[in-house]
Amino acid sequence: MPAPVSRQAAFRAAATLAVAALLLAVAVSVYVWAFWPALPGSTRLVEVVVPQGATTAGIAALLEEEGVIRSPLAFRLLVRLRGSDGRLQAGTYRLGPGMAPSAIAAKLERGEVVTRAFTIPEGLSAEEIARLLASRGFGSEAELLRAFSDPEPVADLLPADRSALRYPLEGYLFPDTYRVAAGTPARALAAAMVDRFRQAWTPDLEARARELGLTVHEVVTLASIVEEEAQLAEERPLIAGVYLNRLRRGMPLQADPTVQYALRKFGQRVLLADLQVDSPYNTYRRTGLPPGPIASPGLDSLRAVLHPADVPYLFFVARPDGSHAFAVTLDEHNANVARYARP
């Protein structure tokens, strides 16, 4: 028969159990306080910018300041337990107090930053692209134009004499839709657009340019003029054919968009007095191509230059509906101008 348990022993056992229960309750409370969401059920989100080079301690303090975690110390411990110390990535994150600290840590580990999209339409100049991006919060216009002034991303594509180029990246900021991390610097935005151009400029296009005896820069330059002139897709090869015919004959291109570019009169009507501007981009006074592109051509315009229509035309004038009337002789052209040109 087992010996009876003394009252003292029973008291000690009960006390031990009570202390254990208390410690467990405290541990659970601490865990809940430190590792559960700061505000369970909250759907509020804030954008938190984690700077480059931030330490885990700095990030934890920032997260507490933004109200998305309760305890910086607990967050640092959690990160250490996950083996992620030193692996949290900089960037802009969308976080909220309804998220568990472990979920927040996981987002920072994976670099799940906020991304934003922007679209560059065909036919915009570097200045217009900078203005568009600045208006949508992708940096200041001045910062973007400084980035577009750096020839390094396209140094292998540019002619030896770059002195006349306002923006070396002009024409190579490929029109497309982009998605980038919030806060992406201007130089990185420019690099992304140039990279997209390089993707679009396939070996087939390169081979066709060599076949025609044209450099990449010459193709992009002429394609930018075609992009500005053509309003109808089917007319791009026709317009390219006219300009190539004029180049072969040593005739000036006499392209109004180049004068608009020289005068920074984007989209404005060219007046007779404008044709006298002294600029290497004035194709009324200079023969050959201008020093560089005047806008960012799309893929269709690049292809039009590489596969122009085989036509005898040397002239064209815009009709009121946006199409063009083409002519072989100056007399035919003058008749078209009299018929279609605006007074």
C-alpha atoms as a PDB file:
ATOM      1  CA  MET A   1       0.000   0.000   0.000  1.00  0.00           C
ATOM      2  CA  PRO A   2       1.609   3.350  -1.085  1.00  0.00           C
ATOM      3  CA  ALA A   3       2.677   5.727   1.635  1.00  0.00           C
ATOM      4  CA  PRO A   4       0.309   8.665   2.123  1.00  0.00           C
ATOM      5  CA  VAL A   5       1.448  11.969   0.631  1.00  0.00           C
ATOM      6  CA  SER A   6       2.177  14.517   3.249  1.00  0.00           C
ATOM      7  CA  ARG A   7       0.347  17.814   3.235  1.00  0.00           C
ATOM      8  CA  GLN A   8       3.642  19.633   2.784  1.00  0.00           C
ATOM      9  CA  ALA A   9       4.552  17.616  -0.291  1.00  0.00           C
ATOM     10  CA  ALA A  10       1.103  18.147  -1.760  1.00  0.00           C
ATOM     11  CA  PHE A  11       1.389  21.856  -1.175  1.00  0.00           C
ATOM     12  CA  ARG A  12       4.779  21.950  -2.881  1.00  0.00           C
ATOM     13  CA  ALA A  13       3.420  20.040  -5.875  1.00  0.00           C
ATOM     14  CA  ALA A  14       0.450  22.355  -6.176  1.00  0.00           C
ATOM     15  CA  ALA A  15       2.695  25.389  -5.900  1.00  0.00           C
ATOM     16  CA  THR A  16       4.989  24.020  -8.586  1.00  0.00           C
ATOM     17  CA  LEU A  17       2.064  23.432 -10.892  1.00  0.00           C
ATOM     18  CA  ALA A  18       0.749  26.926 -10.218  1.00  0.00           C
ATOM     19  CA  VAL A  19       4.135  28.489 -10.966  1.00  0.00           C
ATOM     20  CA  ALA A  20       4.445  26.421 -14.141  1.00  0.00           C
ATOM     21  CA  ALA A  21       0.988  27.459 -15.222  1.00  0.00           C
ATOM     22  CA  LEU A  22       1.812  31.086 -14.460  1.00  0.00           C
ATOM     23  CA  LEU A  23       5.064  30.902 -16.415  1.00  0.00           C
ATOM     24  CA  LEU A  24       3.261  29.263 -19.306  1.00  0.00           C
ATOM     25  CA  ALA A  25       0.603  31.950 -19.234  1.00  0.00           C
ATOM     26  CA  VAL A  26       3.291  34.640 -19.162  1.00  0.00           C
ATOM     27  CA  ALA A  27       5.170  32.969 -22.005  1.00  0.00           C
ATOM     28  CA  VAL A  28       2.016  32.724 -24.085  1.00  0.00           C
ATOM     29  CA  SER A  29       1.181  36.342 -23.326  1.00  0.00           C
ATOM     30  CA  VAL A  30       4.675  37.475 -24.282  1.00  0.00           C
ATOM     31  CA  TYR A  31       4.520  35.413 -27.466  1.00  0.00           C
ATOM     32  CA  VAL A  32       1.135  36.816 -28.368  1.00  0.00           C
ATOM     33  CA  TRP A  33       2.280  40.366 -27.561  1.00  0.00           C
ATOM     34  CA  ALA A  34       5.537  40.058 -29.500  1.00  0.00           C
ATOM     35  CA  PHE A  35       4.800  37.741 -32.410  1.00  0.00           C
ATOM     36  CA  TRP A  36       1.141  38.210 -33.183  1.00  0.00           C
ATOM     37  CA  PRO A  37      -0.068  41.113 -35.324  1.00  0.00           C
ATOM     38  CA  ALA A  38       0.070  44.487 -33.650  1.00  0.00           C
ATOM     39  CA  LEU A  39      -3.636  44.963 -34.455  1.00  0.00           C
ATOM     40  CA  PRO A  40      -5.192  41.602 -35.352  1.00  0.00           C
ATOM     41  CA  GLY A  41      -7.860  41.973 -38.013  1.00  0.00           C
ATOM     42  CA  SER A  42      -6.674  45.388 -39.163  1.00  0.00           C
ATOM     43  CA  THR A  43      -6.678  45.938 -42.923  1.00  0.00           C
ATOM     44  CA  ARG A  44      -4.782  49.235 -42.794  1.00  0.00           C
ATOM     45  CA  LEU A  45      -1.624  49.285 -44.938  1.00  0.00           C
ATOM     46  CA  VAL A  46       1.191  51.811 -45.020  1.00  0.00           C
ATOM     47  CA  GLU A  47       4.178  52.181 -47.325  1.00  0.00           C
ATOM     48  CA  VAL A  48       7.405  51.648 -45.424  1.00  0.00           C
ATOM     49  CA  VAL A  49      10.677  52.631 -47.084  1.00  0.00           C
ATOM     50  CA  VAL A  50      13.602  50.487 -45.953  1.00  0.00           C
ATOM     51  CA  PRO A  51      16.784  52.368 -46.894  1.00  0.00           C
ATOM     52  CA  GLN A  52      19.843  50.787 -48.438  1.00  0.00           C
ATOM     53  CA  GLY A  53      22.272  49.481 -45.838  1.00  0.00           C
ATOM     54  CA  ALA A  54      19.725  49.420 -42.997  1.00  0.00           C
ATOM     55  CA  THR A  55      20.523  46.967 -40.194  1.00  0.00           C
ATOM     56  CA  THR A  56      17.999  44.568 -38.687  1.00  0.00           C
ATOM     57  CA  ALA A  57      17.874  46.766 -35.591  1.00  0.00           C
ATOM     58  CA  GLY A  58      17.255  49.847 -37.721  1.00  0.00           C
ATOM     59  CA  ILE A  59      14.527  48.103 -39.688  1.00  0.00           C
ATOM     60  CA  ALA A  60      12.857  46.870 -36.489  1.00  0.00           C
ATOM     61  CA  ALA A  61      12.837  50.401 -35.078  1.00  0.00           C
ATOM     62  CA  LEU A  62      11.392  51.733 -38.334  1.00  0.00           C
ATOM     63  CA  LEU A  63       8.624  49.116 -38.340  1.00  0.00           C
ATOM     64  CA  GLU A  64       7.678  49.991 -34.744  1.00  0.00           C
ATOM     65  CA  GLU A  65       7.671  53.695 -35.635  1.00  0.00           C
ATOM     66  CA  GLU A  66       5.294  52.980 -38.531  1.00  0.00           C
ATOM     67  CA  GLY A  67       3.055  51.010 -36.168  1.00  0.00           C
ATOM     68  CA  VAL A  68       3.264  47.649 -37.930  1.00  0.00           C
ATOM     69  CA  ILE A  69       4.983  45.696 -35.126  1.00  0.00           C
ATOM     70  CA  ARG A  70       4.816  45.883 -31.324  1.00  0.00           C
ATOM     71  CA  SER A  71       8.330  45.001 -30.278  1.00  0.00           C
ATOM     72  CA  PRO A  72      11.587  45.777 -32.113  1.00  0.00           C
ATOM     73  CA  LEU A  73      13.419  43.389 -29.780  1.00  0.00           C
ATOM     74  CA  ALA A  74      11.021  40.543 -30.564  1.00  0.00           C
ATOM     75  CA  PHE A  75      11.273  41.260 -34.298  1.00  0.00           C
ATOM     76  CA  ARG A  76      15.066  41.135 -34.130  1.00  0.00           C
ATOM     77  CA  LEU A  77      14.852  37.822 -32.262  1.00  0.00           C
ATOM     78  CA  LEU A  78      12.404  36.477 -34.831  1.00  0.00           C
ATOM     79  CA  VAL A  79      14.696  37.453 -37.712  1.00  0.00           C
ATOM     80  CA  ARG A  80      17.624  35.780 -35.977  1.00  0.00           C
ATOM     81  CA  LEU A  81      15.621  32.611 -35.373  1.00  0.00           C
ATOM     82  CA  ARG A  82      14.698  32.560 -39.067  1.00  0.00           C
ATOM     83  CA  GLY A  83      18.359  32.876 -40.028  1.00  0.00           C
ATOM     84  CA  SER A  84      17.585  36.072 -41.922  1.00  0.00           C
ATOM     85  CA  ASP A  85      19.775  38.559 -40.100  1.00  0.00           C
ATOM     86  CA  GLY A  86      21.528  40.666 -42.750  1.00  0.00           C
ATOM     87  CA  ARG A  87      19.263  39.374 -45.517  1.00  0.00           C
ATOM     88  CA  LEU A  88      16.385  41.843 -45.243  1.00  0.00           C
ATOM     89  CA  GLN A  89      16.192  43.830 -48.483  1.00  0.00           C
ATOM     90  CA  ALA A  90      15.872  47.559 -49.023  1.00  0.00           C
ATOM     91  CA  GLY A  91      12.926  49.034 -50.891  1.00  0.00           C
ATOM     92  CA  THR A  92       9.383  50.277 -50.450  1.00  0.00           C
ATOM     93  CA  TYR A  93       6.985  47.789 -48.853  1.00  0.00           C
ATOM     94  CA  ARG A  94       3.250  47.843 -48.235  1.00  0.00           C
ATOM     95  CA  LEU A  95       2.809  46.547 -44.679  1.00  0.00           C
ATOM     96  CA  GLY A  96       0.152  46.759 -41.980  1.00  0.00           C
ATOM     97  CA  PRO A  97      -0.475  46.118 -38.270  1.00  0.00           C
ATOM     98  CA  GLY A  98      -2.797  43.259 -39.204  1.00  0.00           C
ATOM     99  CA  MET A  99       0.154  41.243 -40.525  1.00  0.00           C
ATOM    100  CA  ALA A 100       2.053  38.775 -38.352  1.00  0.00           C
ATOM    101  CA  PRO A 101       5.686  39.771 -37.765  1.00  0.00           C
ATOM    102  CA  SER A 102       6.745  36.501 -39.391  1.00  0.00           C
ATOM    103  CA  ALA A 103       4.853  37.500 -42.559  1.00  0.00           C
ATOM    104  CA  ILE A 104       6.491  40.925 -42.473  1.00  0.00           C
ATOM    105  CA  ALA A 105       9.917  39.353 -42.088  1.00  0.00           C
ATOM    106  CA  ALA A 106       9.200  36.983 -44.973  1.00  0.00           C
ATOM    107  CA  LYS A 107       8.273  39.876 -47.299  1.00  0.00           C
ATOM    108  CA  LEU A 108      11.475  41.704 -46.395  1.00  0.00           C
ATOM    109  CA  GLU A 109      13.540  38.558 -46.957  1.00  0.00           C
ATOM    110  CA  ARG A 110      12.042  37.992 -50.413  1.00  0.00           C
ATOM    111  CA  GLY A 111      12.195  41.644 -51.372  1.00  0.00           C
ATOM    112  CA  GLU A 112       8.472  41.838 -52.171  1.00  0.00           C
ATOM    113  CA  VAL A 113       8.606  45.563 -52.761  1.00  0.00           C
ATOM    114  CA  VAL A 114       5.819  47.784 -54.033  1.00  0.00           C
ATOM    115  CA  THR A 115       5.915  48.031 -57.829  1.00  0.00           C
ATOM    116  CA  ARG A 116       4.449  50.675 -60.096  1.00  0.00           C
ATOM    117  CA  ALA A 117       3.710  50.599 -63.799  1.00  0.00           C
ATOM    118  CA  PHE A 118       4.194  53.250 -66.451  1.00  0.00           C
ATOM    119  CA  THR A 119       3.676  53.280 -70.211  1.00  0.00           C
ATOM    120  CA  ILE A 120       5.822  55.141 -72.729  1.00  0.00           C
ATOM    121  CA  PRO A 121       3.841  55.728 -75.957  1.00  0.00           C
ATOM    122  CA  GLU A 122       5.569  55.673 -79.331  1.00  0.00           C
ATOM    123  CA  GLY A 123       6.910  58.952 -80.650  1.00  0.00           C
ATOM    124  CA  LEU A 124       7.798  60.795 -77.446  1.00  0.00           C
ATOM    125  CA  SER A 125      11.048  62.710 -77.187  1.00  0.00           C
ATOM    126  CA  ALA A 126      13.359  62.326 -74.193  1.00  0.00           C
ATOM    127  CA  GLU A 127      12.053  65.613 -72.787  1.00  0.00           C
ATOM    128  CA  GLU A 128       8.448  64.480 -73.151  1.00  0.00           C
ATOM    129  CA  ILE A 129       9.274  61.131 -71.510  1.00  0.00           C
ATOM    130  CA  ALA A 130      10.941  62.928 -68.592  1.00  0.00           C
ATOM    131  CA  ARG A 131       7.910  65.181 -68.208  1.00  0.00           C
ATOM    132  CA  LEU A 132       5.534  62.209 -68.310  1.00  0.00           C
ATOM    133  CA  LEU A 133       7.466  60.188 -65.724  1.00  0.00           C
ATOM    134  CA  ALA A 134       7.905  63.177 -63.421  1.00  0.00           C
ATOM    135  CA  SER A 135       4.167  63.884 -63.541  1.00  0.00           C
ATOM    136  CA  ARG A 136       3.521  60.324 -62.341  1.00  0.00           C
ATOM    137  CA  GLY A 137       5.958  60.432 -59.454  1.00  0.00           C
ATOM    138  CA  PHE A 138       8.929  58.612 -60.950  1.00  0.00           C
ATOM    139  CA  GLY A 139      11.453  61.290 -60.008  1.00  0.00           C
ATOM    140  CA  SER A 140      12.069  64.875 -60.990  1.00  0.00           C
ATOM    141  CA  GLU A 141      12.250  65.993 -64.596  1.00  0.00           C
ATOM    142  CA  ALA A 142      15.778  67.313 -64.019  1.00  0.00           C
ATOM    143  CA  GLU A 143      16.976  63.966 -62.601  1.00  0.00           C
ATOM    144  CA  LEU A 144      15.477  62.058 -65.515  1.00  0.00           C
ATOM    145  CA  LEU A 145      17.010  64.373 -68.119  1.00  0.00           C
ATOM    146  CA  ARG A 146      20.397  63.986 -66.440  1.00  0.00           C
ATOM    147  CA  ALA A 147      19.997  60.227 -66.752  1.00  0.00           C
ATOM    148  CA  PHE A 148      19.016  60.566 -70.427  1.00  0.00           C
ATOM    149  CA  SER A 149      22.172  62.651 -70.970  1.00  0.00           C
ATOM    150  CA  ASP A 150      24.483  59.784 -70.016  1.00  0.00           C
ATOM    151  CA  PRO A 151      25.813  58.096 -73.188  1.00  0.00           C
ATOM    152  CA  GLU A 152      27.206  55.066 -71.363  1.00  0.00           C
ATOM    153  CA  PRO A 153      24.154  52.751 -71.788  1.00  0.00           C
ATOM    154  CA  VAL A 154      24.255  53.197 -75.606  1.00  0.00           C
ATOM    155  CA  ALA A 155      27.913  54.077 -76.155  1.00  0.00           C
ATOM    156  CA  ASP A 156      28.364  51.162 -78.547  1.00  0.00           C
ATOM    157  CA  LEU A 157      25.456  52.376 -80.733  1.00  0.00           C
ATOM    158  CA  LEU A 158      26.322  56.055 -81.055  1.00  0.00           C
ATOM    159  CA  PRO A 159      28.420  57.727 -83.773  1.00  0.00           C
ATOM    160  CA  ALA A 160      31.913  58.919 -82.910  1.00  0.00           C
ATOM    161  CA  ASP A 161      30.806  62.556 -83.009  1.00  0.00           C
ATOM    162  CA  ARG A 162      28.131  63.002 -80.357  1.00  0.00           C
ATOM    163  CA  SER A 163      28.512  66.744 -79.933  1.00  0.00           C
ATOM    164  CA  ALA A 164      25.136  67.574 -81.490  1.00  0.00           C
ATOM    165  CA  LEU A 165      23.160  65.075 -79.432  1.00  0.00           C
ATOM    166  CA  ARG A 166      21.055  66.750 -76.767  1.00  0.00           C
ATOM    167  CA  TYR A 167      20.316  63.468 -75.053  1.00  0.00           C
ATOM    168  CA  PRO A 168      22.372  60.431 -76.104  1.00  0.00           C
ATOM    169  CA  LEU A 169      19.555  58.108 -75.007  1.00  0.00           C
ATOM    170  CA  GLU A 170      17.111  59.853 -77.355  1.00  0.00           C
ATOM    171  CA  GLY A 171      15.438  57.193 -79.493  1.00  0.00           C
ATOM    172  CA  TYR A 172      16.626  54.297 -77.334  1.00  0.00           C
ATOM    173  CA  LEU A 173      14.064  54.771 -74.532  1.00  0.00           C
ATOM    174  CA  PHE A 174      11.868  52.055 -75.946  1.00  0.00           C
ATOM    175  CA  PRO A 175       8.107  52.658 -75.927  1.00  0.00           C
ATOM    176  CA  ASP A 176       6.444  49.963 -73.848  1.00  0.00           C
ATOM    177  CA  THR A 177       4.775  49.296 -70.500  1.00  0.00           C
ATOM    178  CA  TYR A 178       7.140  48.844 -67.569  1.00  0.00           C
ATOM    179  CA  ARG A 179       6.708  47.712 -63.968  1.00  0.00           C
ATOM    180  CA  VAL A 180       9.410  48.807 -61.557  1.00  0.00           C
ATOM    181  CA  ALA A 181       9.985  48.965 -57.829  1.00  0.00           C
ATOM    182  CA  ALA A 182       8.725  52.149 -56.208  1.00  0.00           C
ATOM    183  CA  GLY A 183      11.580  54.585 -55.739  1.00  0.00           C
ATOM    184  CA  THR A 184      13.629  53.205 -58.632  1.00  0.00           C
ATOM    185  CA  PRO A 185      16.253  55.879 -59.440  1.00  0.00           C
ATOM    186  CA  ALA A 186      16.221  57.725 -62.756  1.00  0.00           C
ATOM    187  CA  ARG A 187      19.342  56.010 -64.090  1.00  0.00           C
ATOM    188  CA  ALA A 188      17.799  52.597 -63.432  1.00  0.00           C
ATOM    189  CA  LEU A 189      14.607  53.642 -65.243  1.00  0.00           C
ATOM    190  CA  ALA A 190      16.673  54.768 -68.239  1.00  0.00           C
ATOM    191  CA  ALA A 191      18.650  51.521 -68.184  1.00  0.00           C
ATOM    192  CA  ALA A 192      15.422  49.489 -68.162  1.00  0.00           C
ATOM    193  CA  MET A 193      14.119  51.305 -71.248  1.00  0.00           C
ATOM    194  CA  VAL A 194      17.425  50.904 -73.089  1.00  0.00           C
ATOM    195  CA  ASP A 195      17.488  47.205 -72.153  1.00  0.00           C
ATOM    196  CA  ARG A 196      14.021  46.834 -73.654  1.00  0.00           C
ATOM    197  CA  PHE A 197      15.294  48.443 -76.869  1.00  0.00           C
ATOM    198  CA  ARG A 198      18.147  45.941 -77.005  1.00  0.00           C
ATOM    199  CA  GLN A 199      15.660  43.100 -76.587  1.00  0.00           C
ATOM    200  CA  ALA A 200      13.538  44.473 -79.436  1.00  0.00           C
ATOM    201  CA  TRP A 201      16.599  44.957 -81.689  1.00  0.00           C
ATOM    202  CA  THR A 202      16.931  41.284 -82.593  1.00  0.00           C
ATOM    203  CA  PRO A 203      19.758  39.664 -84.591  1.00  0.00           C
ATOM    204  CA  ASP A 204      17.385  39.556 -87.586  1.00  0.00           C
ATOM    205  CA  LEU A 205      16.960  43.332 -87.472  1.00  0.00           C
ATOM    206  CA  GLU A 206      20.693  43.793 -87.060  1.00  0.00           C
ATOM    207  CA  ALA A 207      21.385  41.584 -90.073  1.00  0.00           C
ATOM    208  CA  ARG A 208      18.829  43.452 -92.187  1.00  0.00           C
ATOM    209  CA  ALA A 209      20.401  46.812 -91.244  1.00  0.00           C
ATOM    210  CA  ARG A 210      23.823  45.569 -92.361  1.00  0.00           C
ATOM    211  CA  GLU A 211      22.264  44.338 -95.589  1.00  0.00           C
ATOM    212  CA  LEU A 212      20.981  47.860 -96.263  1.00  0.00           C
ATOM    213  CA  GLY A 213      24.289  49.424 -95.251  1.00  0.00           C
ATOM    214  CA  LEU A 214      22.754  51.203 -92.260  1.00  0.00           C
ATOM    215  CA  THR A 215      24.012  51.439 -88.697  1.00  0.00           C
ATOM    216  CA  VAL A 216      21.722  50.920 -85.717  1.00  0.00           C
ATOM    217  CA  HIS A 217      21.877  54.655 -85.009  1.00  0.00           C
ATOM    218  CA  GLU A 218      20.886  55.511 -88.577  1.00  0.00           C
ATOM    219  CA  VAL A 219      17.958  53.113 -88.479  1.00  0.00           C
ATOM    220  CA  VAL A 220      16.707  54.488 -85.149  1.00  0.00           C
ATOM    221  CA  THR A 221      17.154  58.064 -86.366  1.00  0.00           C
ATOM    222  CA  LEU A 222      15.153  57.537 -89.545  1.00  0.00           C
ATOM    223  CA  ALA A 223      12.571  55.407 -87.741  1.00  0.00           C
ATOM    224  CA  SER A 224      12.002  58.238 -85.271  1.00  0.00           C
ATOM    225  CA  ILE A 225      11.118  60.571 -88.152  1.00  0.00           C
ATOM    226  CA  VAL A 226       8.819  57.950 -89.674  1.00  0.00           C
ATOM    227  CA  GLU A 227       7.174  57.528 -86.254  1.00  0.00           C
ATOM    228  CA  GLU A 228       6.461  61.255 -86.072  1.00  0.00           C
ATOM    229  CA  GLU A 229       5.156  61.530 -89.636  1.00  0.00           C
ATOM    230  CA  ALA A 230       2.977  58.419 -89.913  1.00  0.00           C
ATOM    231  CA  GLN A 231      -0.487  58.382 -88.418  1.00  0.00           C
ATOM    232  CA  LEU A 232      -1.591  55.250 -90.277  1.00  0.00           C
ATOM    233  CA  ALA A 233       0.303  52.014 -89.678  1.00  0.00           C
ATOM    234  CA  GLU A 234       0.098  50.977 -93.333  1.00  0.00           C
ATOM    235  CA  GLU A 235       1.845  54.178 -94.427  1.00  0.00           C
ATOM    236  CA  ARG A 236       5.008  53.664 -92.383  1.00  0.00           C
ATOM    237  CA  PRO A 237       6.811  51.613 -95.081  1.00  0.00           C
ATOM    238  CA  LEU A 238       5.706  54.155 -97.732  1.00  0.00           C
ATOM    239  CA  ILE A 239       7.075  57.104 -95.761  1.00  0.00           C
ATOM    240  CA  ALA A 240      10.281  55.207 -95.026  1.00  0.00           C
ATOM    241  CA  GLY A 241      10.597  54.474 -98.752  1.00  0.00           C
ATOM    242  CA  VAL A 242      10.242  58.176 -99.615  1.00  0.00           C
ATOM    243  CA  TYR A 243      12.935  59.224 -97.166  1.00  0.00           C
ATOM    244  CA  LEU A 244      15.335  56.501 -98.300  1.00  0.00           C
ATOM    245  CA  ASN A 245      14.778  57.554-101.917  1.00  0.00           C
ATOM    246  CA  ARG A 246      15.641  61.147-101.012  1.00  0.00           C
ATOM    247  CA  LEU A 247      18.737  60.081 -99.094  1.00  0.00           C
ATOM    248  CA  ARG A 248      19.994  58.040-102.054  1.00  0.00           C
ATOM    249  CA  ARG A 249      19.570  61.061-104.349  1.00  0.00           C
ATOM    250  CA  GLY A 250      21.237  63.471-101.932  1.00  0.00           C
ATOM    251  CA  MET A 251      18.024  65.420-101.453  1.00  0.00           C
ATOM    252  CA  PRO A 252      17.251  67.039 -98.078  1.00  0.00           C
ATOM    253  CA  LEU A 253      14.636  65.094 -96.138  1.00  0.00           C
ATOM    254  CA  GLN A 254      12.594  68.249 -95.476  1.00  0.00           C
ATOM    255  CA  ALA A 255      10.871  66.586 -92.525  1.00  0.00           C
ATOM    256  CA  ASP A 256       8.810  68.965 -90.396  1.00  0.00           C
ATOM    257  CA  PRO A 257       9.258  66.898 -87.197  1.00  0.00           C
ATOM    258  CA  THR A 258      13.009  67.526 -87.273  1.00  0.00           C
ATOM    259  CA  VAL A 259      12.366  71.269 -87.269  1.00  0.00           C
ATOM    260  CA  GLN A 260       9.901  70.850 -84.401  1.00  0.00           C
ATOM    261  CA  TYR A 261      12.624  68.988 -82.517  1.00  0.00           C
ATOM    262  CA  ALA A 262      15.218  71.672 -83.249  1.00  0.00           C
ATOM    263  CA  LEU A 263      12.884  74.367 -81.890  1.00  0.00           C
ATOM    264  CA  ARG A 264      11.401  72.227 -79.051  1.00  0.00           C
ATOM    265  CA  LYS A 265       7.981  72.837 -80.629  1.00  0.00           C
ATOM    266  CA  PHE A 266       6.724  69.303 -80.106  1.00  0.00           C
ATOM    267  CA  GLY A 267       3.436  68.730 -81.890  1.00  0.00           C
ATOM    268  CA  GLN A 268       3.133  72.333 -83.028  1.00  0.00           C
ATOM    269  CA  ARG A 269       2.651  73.485 -86.568  1.00  0.00           C
ATOM    270  CA  VAL A 270       5.846  74.402 -88.421  1.00  0.00           C
ATOM    271  CA  LEU A 271       5.813  77.923 -89.845  1.00  0.00           C
ATOM    272  CA  LEU A 272       7.740  79.162 -92.875  1.00  0.00           C
ATOM    273  CA  ALA A 273      10.054  81.196 -90.636  1.00  0.00           C
ATOM    274  CA  ASP A 274      10.837  78.065 -88.577  1.00  0.00           C
ATOM    275  CA  LEU A 275      12.459  76.439 -91.614  1.00  0.00           C
ATOM    276  CA  GLN A 276      15.349  78.903 -91.350  1.00  0.00           C
ATOM    277  CA  VAL A 277      16.497  77.764 -87.915  1.00  0.00           C
ATOM    278  CA  ASP A 278      20.238  77.091 -87.838  1.00  0.00           C
ATOM    279  CA  SER A 279      20.345  73.590 -86.395  1.00  0.00           C
ATOM    280  CA  PRO A 280      21.897  70.282 -87.435  1.00  0.00           C
ATOM    281  CA  TYR A 281      18.398  68.889 -86.939  1.00  0.00           C
ATOM    282  CA  ASN A 282      16.892  71.177 -89.586  1.00  0.00           C
ATOM    283  CA  THR A 283      16.530  68.787 -92.522  1.00  0.00           C
ATOM    284  CA  TYR A 284      15.338  71.635 -94.746  1.00  0.00           C
ATOM    285  CA  ARG A 285      18.776  73.269 -94.603  1.00  0.00           C
ATOM    286  CA  ARG A 286      20.933  70.131 -94.141  1.00  0.00           C
ATOM    287  CA  THR A 287      21.131  67.048 -96.300  1.00  0.00           C
ATOM    288  CA  GLY A 288      21.345  63.559 -94.891  1.00  0.00           C
ATOM    289  CA  LEU A 289      20.032  62.341 -91.593  1.00  0.00           C
ATOM    290  CA  PRO A 290      20.031  64.571 -88.507  1.00  0.00           C
ATOM    291  CA  PRO A 291      22.675  63.763 -85.859  1.00  0.00           C
ATOM    292  CA  GLY A 292      20.349  61.461 -83.965  1.00  0.00           C
ATOM    293  CA  PRO A 293      16.772  60.393 -83.308  1.00  0.00           C
ATOM    294  CA  ILE A 294      14.112  62.972 -82.521  1.00  0.00           C
ATOM    295  CA  ALA A 295      11.822  60.616 -80.584  1.00  0.00           C
ATOM    296  CA  SER A 296      11.462  56.995 -79.485  1.00  0.00           C
ATOM    297  CA  PRO A 297      10.266  54.904 -82.431  1.00  0.00           C
ATOM    298  CA  GLY A 298       8.238  51.777 -81.916  1.00  0.00           C
ATOM    299  CA  LEU A 299       9.038  48.396 -83.396  1.00  0.00           C
ATOM    300  CA  ASP A 300       6.750  48.952 -86.402  1.00  0.00           C
ATOM    301  CA  SER A 301       8.656  52.077 -87.421  1.00  0.00           C
ATOM    302  CA  LEU A 302      11.997  50.308 -87.027  1.00  0.00           C
ATOM    303  CA  ARG A 303      10.720  47.518 -89.250  1.00  0.00           C
ATOM    304  CA  ALA A 304       9.374  50.022 -91.780  1.00  0.00           C
ATOM    305  CA  VAL A 305      12.856  51.482 -92.247  1.00  0.00           C
ATOM    306  CA  LEU A 306      14.373  48.028 -92.592  1.00  0.00           C
ATOM    307  CA  HIS A 307      11.629  46.851 -94.960  1.00  0.00           C
ATOM    308  CA  PRO A 308      10.532  49.998 -96.821  1.00  0.00           C
ATOM    309  CA  ALA A 309       7.980  49.981 -99.616  1.00  0.00           C
ATOM    310  CA  ASP A 310       9.587  49.783-103.048  1.00  0.00           C
ATOM    311  CA  VAL A 311       8.029  52.959-104.441  1.00  0.00           C
ATOM    312  CA  PRO A 312       9.214  55.755-106.751  1.00  0.00           C
ATOM    313  CA  TYR A 313       7.824  58.523-104.543  1.00  0.00           C
ATOM    314  CA  LEU A 314       9.952  61.472-103.465  1.00  0.00           C
ATOM    315  CA  PHE A 315       7.279  63.644-101.838  1.00  0.00           C
ATOM    316  CA  PHE A 316       4.230  63.416 -99.608  1.00  0.00           C
ATOM    317  CA  VAL A 317       1.832  65.780 -97.898  1.00  0.00           C
ATOM    318  CA  ALA A 318      -0.689  65.135 -95.145  1.00  0.00           C
ATOM    319  CA  ARG A 319      -4.391  65.038 -95.894  1.00  0.00           C
ATOM    320  CA  PRO A 320      -6.899  66.343 -93.313  1.00  0.00           C
ATOM    321  CA  ASP A 321      -7.784  62.768 -92.292  1.00  0.00           C
ATOM    322  CA  GLY A 322      -4.176  61.967 -91.317  1.00  0.00           C
ATOM    323  CA  SER A 323      -3.342  59.951 -94.413  1.00  0.00           C
ATOM    324  CA  HIS A 324      -0.802  61.212 -96.957  1.00  0.00           C
ATOM    325  CA  ALA A 325      -0.804  61.946-100.673  1.00  0.00           C
ATOM    326  CA  PHE A 326       2.389  60.705-102.316  1.00  0.00           C
ATOM    327  CA  ALA A 327       4.003  62.042-105.460  1.00  0.00           C
ATOM    328  CA  VAL A 328       6.925  61.262-107.779  1.00  0.00           C
ATOM    329  CA  THR A 329       7.476  64.729-109.246  1.00  0.00           C
ATOM    330  CA  LEU A 330       7.575  68.181-107.701  1.00  0.00           C
ATOM    331  CA  ASP A 331       4.678  69.297-109.920  1.00  0.00           C
ATOM    332  CA  GLU A 332       2.520  66.454-108.613  1.00  0.00           C
ATOM    333  CA  HIS A 333       3.529  67.311-105.085  1.00  0.00           C
ATOM    334  CA  ASN A 334       2.719  70.990-105.494  1.00  0.00           C
ATOM    335  CA  ALA A 335      -0.703  70.028-106.775  1.00  0.00           C
ATOM    336  CA  ASN A 336      -1.232  67.839-103.709  1.00  0.00           C
ATOM    337  CA  VAL A 337      -0.078  70.640-101.427  1.00  0.00           C
ATOM    338  CA  ALA A 338      -2.520  73.049-103.058  1.00  0.00           C
ATOM    339  CA  ARG A 339      -5.290  70.525-102.588  1.00  0.00           C
ATOM    340  CA  TYR A 340      -4.601  69.243 -99.067  1.00  0.00           C
ATOM    341  CA  ALA A 341      -2.292  71.569 -97.155  1.00  0.00           C
ATOM    342  CA  ARG A 342      -3.817  73.768 -94.478  1.00  0.00           C
ATOM    343  CA  PRO A 343      -3.919  77.470 -95.335  1.00  0.00           C
END
